[in-house]
PDB file of N, CA and C in Angstrom:
ATOM      1  N   MET A   1      -8.428-197.680-210.107  1.00  0.00           N
ATOM      2  CA  MET A   1      -9.367-198.395-210.690  1.00  0.00           C
ATOM      3  C   MET A   1      -9.805-199.644-210.051  1.00  0.00           C
ATOM      4  N   MET A   2      -8.636-200.413-209.847  1.00  0.00           N
ATOM      5  CA  MET A   2      -8.834-201.631-209.193  1.00  0.00           C
ATOM      6  C   MET A   2      -9.351-201.486-207.938  1.00  0.00           C
ATOM      7  N   MET A   3      -8.996-200.648-206.975  1.00  0.00           N
ATOM      8  CA  MET A   3      -9.359-200.492-205.487  1.00  0.00           C
ATOM      9  C   MET A   3     -10.950-199.995-205.365  1.00  0.00           C
ATOM     10  N   GLN A   4     -11.343-199.341-206.384  1.00  0.00           N
ATOM     11  CA  GLN A   4     -12.606-199.142-207.022  1.00  0.00           C
ATOM     12  C   GLN A   4     -13.279-199.907-206.944  1.00  0.00           C
ATOM     13  N   MET A   5     -13.136-200.921-207.540  1.00  0.00           N
ATOM     14  CA  MET A   5     -13.707-202.299-208.244  1.00  0.00           C
ATOM     15  C   MET A   5     -14.246-203.458-206.757  1.00  0.00           C
ATOM     16  N   VAL A   6     -12.751-203.293-206.365  1.00  0.00           N
ATOM     17  CA  VAL A   6     -12.986-204.153-205.089  1.00  0.00           C
ATOM     18  C   VAL A   6     -13.624-203.002-203.934  1.00  0.00           C
ATOM     19  N   TRP A   7     -13.497-202.110-203.074  1.00  0.00           N
ATOM     20  CA  TRP A   7     -13.870-201.676-202.210  1.00  0.00           C
ATOM     21  C   TRP A   7     -15.209-201.228-202.176  1.00  0.00           C
ATOM     22  N   LEU A   8     -15.542-200.667-203.601  1.00  0.00           N
ATOM     23  CA  LEU A   8     -17.029-200.289-203.495  1.00  0.00           C
ATOM     24  C   LEU A   8     -17.932-200.860-204.250  1.00  0.00           C
ATOM     25  N   LEU A   9     -17.589-202.326-204.719  1.00  0.00           N
ATOM     26  CA  LEU A   9     -18.432-203.160-205.876  1.00  0.00           C
ATOM     27  C   LEU A   9     -18.804-202.621-206.507  1.00  0.00           C
ATOM     28  N   ARG A  10     -17.569-201.603-207.544  1.00  0.00           N
ATOM     29  CA  ARG A  10     -18.524-200.840-208.776  1.00  0.00           C
ATOM     30  C   ARG A  10     -19.399-201.885-209.561  1.00  0.00           C
ATOM     31  N   PRO A  11     -18.834-203.034-210.071  1.00  0.00           N
ATOM     32  CA  PRO A  11     -19.776-203.984-210.715  1.00  0.00           C
ATOM     33  C   PRO A  11     -20.998-204.275-210.174  1.00  0.00           C
ATOM     34  N   LEU A  12     -21.523-204.504-209.187  1.00  0.00           N
ATOM     35  CA  LEU A  12     -22.678-204.987-208.503  1.00  0.00           C
ATOM     36  C   LEU A  12     -23.371-203.314-208.079  1.00  0.00           C
ATOM     37  N   VAL A  13     -22.904-201.882-208.140  1.00  0.00           N
ATOM     38  CA  VAL A  13     -23.456-201.039-208.612  1.00  0.00           C
ATOM     39  C   VAL A  13     -24.128-200.449-209.914  1.00  0.00           C
ATOM     40  N   ASP A  14     -23.221-200.883-210.887  1.00  0.00           N
ATOM     41  CA  ASP A  14     -23.877-201.241-211.977  1.00  0.00           C
ATOM     42  C   ASP A  14     -25.089-201.595-212.312  1.00  0.00           C
ATOM     43  N   GLN A  15     -25.341-202.867-211.793  1.00  0.00           N
ATOM     44  CA  GLN A  15     -26.394-203.986-212.104  1.00  0.00           C
ATOM     45  C   GLN A  15     -27.386-203.621-211.296  1.00  0.00           C
ATOM     46  N   CYS A  16     -27.348-202.970-210.217  1.00  0.00           N
ATOM     47  CA  CYS A  16     -28.416-202.371-209.526  1.00  0.00           C
ATOM     48  C   CYS A  16     -28.839-201.192-210.360  1.00  0.00           C
ATOM     49  N   ARG A  17     -27.993-200.230-211.032  1.00  0.00           N
ATOM     50  CA  ARG A  17     -28.719-199.139-211.695  1.00  0.00           C
ATOM     51  C   ARG A  17     -29.287-199.712-212.680  1.00  0.00           C
ATOM     52  N   SER A  18     -28.256-200.938-213.465  1.00  0.00           N
ATOM     53  CA  SER A  18     -29.239-201.353-214.688  1.00  0.00           C
ATOM     54  C   SER A  18     -30.643-201.696-214.530  1.00  0.00           C
ATOM     55  N   ALA A  19     -30.721-202.415-213.466  1.00  0.00           N
ATOM     56  CA  ALA A  19     -32.250-203.166-212.866  1.00  0.00           C
ATOM     57  C   ALA A  19     -32.920-201.690-212.074  1.00  0.00           C
ATOM     58  N   GLY A  20     -32.384-200.844-212.688  1.00  0.00           N
ATOM     59  CA  GLY A  20     -33.307-199.153-212.388  1.00  0.00           C
ATOM     60  C   GLY A  20     -33.734-199.118-211.007  1.00  0.00           C
ATOM     61  N   HIS A  21     -32.563-199.668-210.046  1.00  0.00           N
ATOM     62  CA  HIS A  21     -32.515-199.305-208.879  1.00  0.00           C
ATOM     63  C   HIS A  21     -31.293-198.157-208.605  1.00  0.00           C
ATOM     64  N   ILE A  22     -32.420-196.644-209.035  1.00  0.00           N
ATOM     65  CA  ILE A  22     -31.318-195.410-208.819  1.00  0.00           C
ATOM     66  C   ILE A  22     -31.414-194.719-207.283  1.00  0.00           C
ATOM     67  N   LEU A  23     -30.434-194.074-206.574  1.00  0.00           N
ATOM     68  CA  LEU A  23     -30.345-194.014-205.404  1.00  0.00           C
ATOM     69  C   LEU A  23     -30.806-192.209-205.243  1.00  0.00           C
ATOM     70  N   ALA A  24     -31.621-192.126-204.175  1.00  0.00           N
ATOM     71  CA  ALA A  24     -32.034-190.678-203.728  1.00  0.00           C
ATOM     72  C   ALA A  24     -30.619-190.165-203.271  1.00  0.00           C
ATOM     73  N   PRO A  25     -30.383-188.922-203.333  1.00  0.00           N
ATOM     74  CA  PRO A  25     -28.958-188.352-202.749  1.00  0.00           C
ATOM     75  C   PRO A  25     -28.773-188.643-201.351  1.00  0.00           C
ATOM     76  N   SER A  26     -29.961-189.086-200.530  1.00  0.00           N
ATOM     77  CA  SER A  26     -29.574-189.554-198.962  1.00  0.00           C
ATOM     78  C   SER A  26     -29.695-191.127-198.649  1.00  0.00           C
ATOM     79  N   GLN A  27     -29.648-191.857-200.137  1.00  0.00           N
ATOM     80  CA  GLN A  27     -29.672-193.503-199.840  1.00  0.00           C
ATOM     81  C   GLN A  27     -28.732-194.100-200.544  1.00  0.00           C
ATOM     82  N   CYS A  28     -27.978-195.038-199.976  1.00  0.00           N
ATOM     83  CA  CYS A  28     -26.961-196.395-200.757  1.00  0.00           C
ATOM     84  C   CYS A  28     -27.612-197.513-200.932  1.00  0.00           C
ATOM     85  N   TYR A  29     -26.947-198.152-201.110  1.00  0.00           N
ATOM     86  CA  TYR A  29     -27.561-200.028-201.527  1.00  0.00           C
ATOM     87  C   TYR A  29     -27.185-200.309-200.386  1.00  0.00           C
ATOM     88  N   ALA A  30     -27.825-201.469-199.797  1.00  0.00           N
ATOM     89  CA  ALA A  30     -27.762-202.028-198.437  1.00  0.00           C
ATOM     90  C   ALA A  30     -28.238-203.528-198.737  1.00  0.00           C
ATOM     91  N   PHE A  31     -27.659-204.234-198.138  1.00  0.00           N
ATOM     92  CA  PHE A  31     -27.773-205.801-198.530  1.00  0.00           C
ATOM     93  C   PHE A  31     -28.813-206.418-197.543  1.00  0.00           C
ATOM     94  N   THR A  32     -29.582-207.027-198.037  1.00  0.00           N
ATOM     95  CA  THR A  32     -30.921-208.029-197.420  1.00  0.00           C
ATOM     96  C   THR A  32     -30.236-208.184-196.594  1.00  0.00           C
ATOM     97  N   THR A  33     -29.555-209.519-196.813  1.00  0.00           N
ATOM     98  CA  THR A  33     -28.866-210.432-195.980  1.00  0.00           C
ATOM     99  C   THR A  33     -27.199-210.041-196.073  1.00  0.00           C
ATOM    100  N   LEU A  34     -26.746-209.945-195.410  1.00  0.00           N
ATOM    101  CA  LEU A  34     -25.389-209.550-194.952  1.00  0.00           C
ATOM    102  C   LEU A  34     -24.525-210.229-195.872  1.00  0.00           C
ATOM    103  N   PRO A  35     -23.577-210.359-196.277  1.00  0.00           N
ATOM    104  CA  PRO A  35     -22.781-211.376-196.878  1.00  0.00           C
ATOM    105  C   PRO A  35     -21.823-211.651-195.898  1.00  0.00           C
ATOM    106  N   LEU A  36     -21.302-211.227-194.473  1.00  0.00           N
ATOM    107  CA  LEU A  36     -21.502-211.629-193.313  1.00  0.00           C
ATOM    108  C   LEU A  36     -21.886-213.134-192.872  1.00  0.00           C
ATOM    109  N   PHE A  37     -23.210-212.942-193.124  1.00  0.00           N
ATOM    110  CA  PHE A  37     -23.801-214.072-192.545  1.00  0.00           C
ATOM    111  C   PHE A  37     -24.464-214.879-194.227  1.00  0.00           C
ATOM    112  N   GLY A  38     -23.544-214.755-195.074  1.00  0.00           N
ATOM    113  CA  GLY A  38     -23.878-215.910-195.798  1.00  0.00           C
ATOM    114  C   GLY A  38     -24.797-215.056-197.340  1.00  0.00           C
ATOM    115  N   GLY A  39     -25.146-213.680-197.168  1.00  0.00           N
ATOM    116  CA  GLY A  39     -25.903-213.184-198.368  1.00  0.00           C
ATOM    117  C   GLY A  39     -24.818-213.116-199.599  1.00  0.00           C
ATOM    118  N   GLU A  40     -25.442-213.034-200.725  1.00  0.00           N
ATOM    119  CA  GLU A  40     -24.811-212.852-201.669  1.00  0.00           C
ATOM    120  C   GLU A  40     -24.768-211.462-202.271  1.00  0.00           C
ATOM    121  N   TYR A  41     -23.751-211.377-202.819  1.00  0.00           N
ATOM    122  CA  TYR A  41     -23.311-209.875-203.974  1.00  0.00           C
ATOM    123  C   TYR A  41     -24.322-209.811-205.355  1.00  0.00           C
ATOM    124  N   THR A  42     -25.482-209.988-204.686  1.00  0.00           N
ATOM    125  CA  THR A  42     -26.330-209.735-206.431  1.00  0.00           C
ATOM    126  C   THR A  42     -27.309-208.714-205.895  1.00  0.00           C
ATOM    127  N   VAL A  43     -27.958-208.414-207.228  1.00  0.00           N
ATOM    128  CA  VAL A  43     -28.904-206.949-207.227  1.00  0.00           C
ATOM    129  C   VAL A  43     -30.047-207.878-206.346  1.00  0.00           C
ATOM    130  N   ALA A  44     -29.956-209.059-206.544  1.00  0.00           N
ATOM    131  CA  ALA A  44     -31.639-209.713-205.778  1.00  0.00           C
ATOM    132  C   ALA A  44     -31.486-209.739-203.836  1.00  0.00           C
ATOM    133  N   ASN A  45     -30.096-209.691-203.892  1.00  0.00           N
ATOM    134  CA  ASN A  45     -29.595-209.116-202.243  1.00  0.00           C
ATOM    135  C   ASN A  45     -29.802-207.922-201.498  1.00  0.00           C
ATOM    136  N   VAL A  46     -30.316-207.073-202.513  1.00  0.00           N
ATOM    137  CA  VAL A  46     -29.865-205.862-202.336  1.00  0.00           C
ATOM    138  C   VAL A  46     -31.229-204.616-202.659  1.00  0.00           C
ATOM    139  N   TRP A  47     -31.246-203.699-201.578  1.00  0.00           N
ATOM    140  CA  TRP A  47     -31.949-202.683-201.493  1.00  0.00           C
ATOM    141  C   TRP A  47     -31.493-201.421-201.329  1.00  0.00           C
ATOM    142  N   MET A  48     -32.603-200.253-201.168  1.00  0.00           N
ATOM    143  CA  MET A  48     -31.959-199.076-201.241  1.00  0.00           C
ATOM    144  C   MET A  48     -32.283-198.675-199.857  1.00  0.00           C
ATOM    145  N   CYS A  49     -31.346-197.800-199.188  1.00  0.00           N
ATOM    146  CA  CYS A  49     -31.909-197.434-197.755  1.00  0.00           C
ATOM    147  C   CYS A  49     -31.015-196.156-197.586  1.00  0.00           C
ATOM    148  N   SER A  50     -31.790-195.488-196.383  1.00  0.00           N
ATOM    149  CA  SER A  50     -31.397-194.474-196.023  1.00  0.00           C
ATOM    150  C   SER A  50     -29.423-194.673-195.683  1.00  0.00           C
ATOM    151  N   CYS A  51     -28.575-193.867-196.180  1.00  0.00           N
ATOM    152  CA  CYS A  51     -27.552-194.255-195.205  1.00  0.00           C
ATOM    153  C   CYS A  51     -27.327-194.015-194.294  1.00  0.00           C
ATOM    154  N   ARG A  52     -27.929-192.942-193.420  1.00  0.00           N
ATOM    155  CA  ARG A  52     -27.970-193.515-191.963  1.00  0.00           C
ATOM    156  C   ARG A  52     -28.434-194.171-191.383  1.00  0.00           C
ATOM    157  N   ASP A  53     -29.729-194.657-191.750  1.00  0.00           N
ATOM    158  CA  ASP A  53     -30.036-196.284-191.013  1.00  0.00           C
ATOM    159  C   ASP A  53     -28.885-196.936-191.300  1.00  0.00           C
ATOM    160  N   TRP A  54     -28.395-197.151-192.561  1.00  0.00           N
ATOM    161  CA  TRP A  54     -27.855-198.466-192.912  1.00  0.00           C
ATOM    162  C   TRP A  54     -26.506-198.058-191.856  1.00  0.00           C
ATOM    163  N   LEU A  55     -26.211-197.288-192.107  1.00  0.00           N
ATOM    164  CA  LEU A  55     -24.478-197.135-191.067  1.00  0.00           C
ATOM    165  C   LEU A  55     -24.649-197.009-189.961  1.00  0.00           C
ATOM    166  N   ALA A  56     -25.774-196.650-189.357  1.00  0.00           N
ATOM    167  CA  ALA A  56     -26.062-197.214-187.818  1.00  0.00           C
ATOM    168  C   ALA A  56     -26.185-198.803-187.741  1.00  0.00           C
ATOM    169  N   PHE A  57     -26.387-199.340-188.526  1.00  0.00           N
ATOM    170  CA  PHE A  57     -27.134-200.927-188.410  1.00  0.00           C
ATOM    171  C   PHE A  57     -25.650-201.727-188.946  1.00  0.00           C
ATOM    172  N   ALA A  58     -25.335-201.156-190.000  1.00  0.00           N
ATOM    173  CA  ALA A  58     -23.862-201.920-189.977  1.00  0.00           C
ATOM    174  C   ALA A  58     -22.490-201.711-188.973  1.00  0.00           C
ATOM    175  N   ALA A  59     -22.976-200.610-188.327  1.00  0.00           N
ATOM    176  CA  ALA A  59     -21.832-200.117-187.276  1.00  0.00           C
ATOM    177  C   ALA A  59     -22.247-201.356-185.955  1.00  0.00           C
ATOM    178  N   THR A  60     -23.450-201.338-185.940  1.00  0.00           N
ATOM    179  CA  THR A  60     -24.225-202.158-184.526  1.00  0.00           C
ATOM    180  C   THR A  60     -23.576-203.534-184.792  1.00  0.00           C
ATOM    181  N   ILE A  61     -23.745-204.165-186.111  1.00  0.00           N
ATOM    182  CA  ILE A  61     -23.627-205.432-186.180  1.00  0.00           C
ATOM    183  C   ILE A  61     -21.829-205.951-186.407  1.00  0.00           C
ATOM    184  N   TYR A  62     -21.395-204.664-186.874  1.00  0.00           N
ATOM    185  CA  TYR A  62     -19.202-204.760-186.198  1.00  0.00           C
ATOM    186  C   TYR A  62     -19.291-205.026-185.266  1.00  0.00           C
ATOM    187  N   SER A  63     -19.845-203.927-184.777  1.00  0.00           N
ATOM    188  CA  SER A  63     -19.074-203.609-182.953  1.00  0.00           C
ATOM    189  C   SER A  63     -19.674-204.996-182.110  1.00  0.00           C
ATOM    190  N   GLU A  64     -20.701-206.003-182.708  1.00  0.00           N
ATOM    191  CA  GLU A  64     -21.303-206.997-181.892  1.00  0.00           C
ATOM    192  C   GLU A  64     -20.278-208.033-182.435  1.00  0.00           C
ATOM    193  N   THR A  65     -19.967-208.476-183.657  1.00  0.00           N
ATOM    194  CA  THR A  65     -19.332-209.357-184.191  1.00  0.00           C
ATOM    195  C   THR A  65     -17.784-209.375-184.663  1.00  0.00           C
ATOM    196  N   LYS A  66     -17.202-208.367-184.496  1.00  0.00           N
ATOM    197  CA  LYS A  66     -15.560-207.917-184.640  1.00  0.00           C
ATOM    198  C   LYS A  66     -14.515-209.041-184.195  1.00  0.00           C
ATOM    199  N   GLY A  67     -15.008-209.663-183.163  1.00  0.00           N
ATOM    200  CA  GLY A  67     -14.009-210.062-182.344  1.00  0.00           C
ATOM    201  C   GLY A  67     -14.348-212.244-182.531  1.00  0.00           C
ATOM    202  N   LEU A  68     -15.746-212.203-182.984  1.00  0.00           N
ATOM    203  CA  LEU A  68     -16.268-213.531-183.473  1.00  0.00           C
ATOM    204  C   LEU A  68     -15.004-214.197-184.327  1.00  0.00           C
ATOM    205  N   PRO A  69     -14.331-215.537-184.138  1.00  0.00           N
ATOM    206  CA  PRO A  69     -13.864-216.280-185.101  1.00  0.00           C
ATOM    207  C   PRO A  69     -15.003-217.038-186.534  1.00  0.00           C
ATOM    208  N   ASP A  70     -14.320-216.866-187.493  1.00  0.00           N
ATOM    209  CA  ASP A  70     -14.826-217.558-188.242  1.00  0.00           C
ATOM    210  C   ASP A  70     -15.897-219.189-188.061  1.00  0.00           C
ATOM    211  N   GLY A  71     -17.134-218.646-188.558  1.00  0.00           N
ATOM    212  CA  GLY A  71     -17.792-219.843-188.228  1.00  0.00           C
ATOM    213  C   GLY A  71     -18.416-220.090-187.077  1.00  0.00           C
ATOM    214  N   SER A  72     -18.781-219.323-186.595  1.00  0.00           N
ATOM    215  CA  SER A  72     -19.173-218.907-185.489  1.00  0.00           C
ATOM    216  C   SER A  72     -20.539-218.471-185.265  1.00  0.00           C
ATOM    217  N   THR A  73     -21.551-219.498-184.456  1.00  0.00           N
ATOM    218  CA  THR A  73     -23.138-219.422-184.943  1.00  0.00           C
ATOM    219  C   THR A  73     -23.650-217.840-183.835  1.00  0.00           C
ATOM    220  N   VAL A  74     -24.298-217.065-184.613  1.00  0.00           N
ATOM    221  CA  VAL A  74     -24.349-215.721-184.245  1.00  0.00           C
ATOM    222  C   VAL A  74     -26.127-215.454-183.939  1.00  0.00           C
ATOM    223  N   ARG A  75     -26.427-215.094-183.080  1.00  0.00           N
ATOM    224  CA  ARG A  75     -28.651-214.852-183.133  1.00  0.00           C
ATOM    225  C   ARG A  75     -28.349-213.349-182.944  1.00  0.00           C
ATOM    226  N   ILE A  76     -29.833-213.235-183.743  1.00  0.00           N
ATOM    227  CA  ILE A  76     -29.840-212.012-183.856  1.00  0.00           C
ATOM    228  C   ILE A  76     -31.170-211.267-183.443  1.00  0.00           C
ATOM    229  N   VAL A  77     -31.187-210.468-182.234  1.00  0.00           N
ATOM    230  CA  VAL A  77     -32.485-210.119-181.616  1.00  0.00           C
ATOM    231  C   VAL A  77     -32.842-208.763-181.892  1.00  0.00           C
ATOM    232  N   VAL A  78     -33.736-208.546-182.599  1.00  0.00           N
ATOM    233  CA  VAL A  78     -34.121-207.085-183.196  1.00  0.00           C
ATOM    234  C   VAL A  78     -34.992-206.532-181.999  1.00  0.00           C
ATOM    235  N   LYS A  79     -34.760-205.161-181.630  1.00  0.00           N
ATOM    236  CA  LYS A  79     -35.283-204.684-180.345  1.00  0.00           C
ATOM    237  C   LYS A  79     -36.037-203.530-181.080  1.00  0.00           C
ATOM    238  N   ASP A  80     -37.441-202.913-180.308  1.00  0.00           N
ATOM    239  CA  ASP A  80     -37.757-201.720-180.655  1.00  0.00           C
ATOM    240  C   ASP A  80     -36.908-200.605-180.360  1.00  0.00           C
TER     241      ASP A  80
END
């Protein structure tokens, strides 16, 4: 149960659902501002996104930042 609370952010999911953010089968909760970049673990920083799109985005961010030391400056460029 404790791992579920930590890894799956169960309290935040419960708060999102209580706020009326009910996911469709192919959706997941996504962060507006990633916690990696200072985003908070709050309902106000969460939106509903396609699982496929979110995983692709998160994988890209991870691959680009995985070797950076804490406190590094990051510049994000959005490309079409």
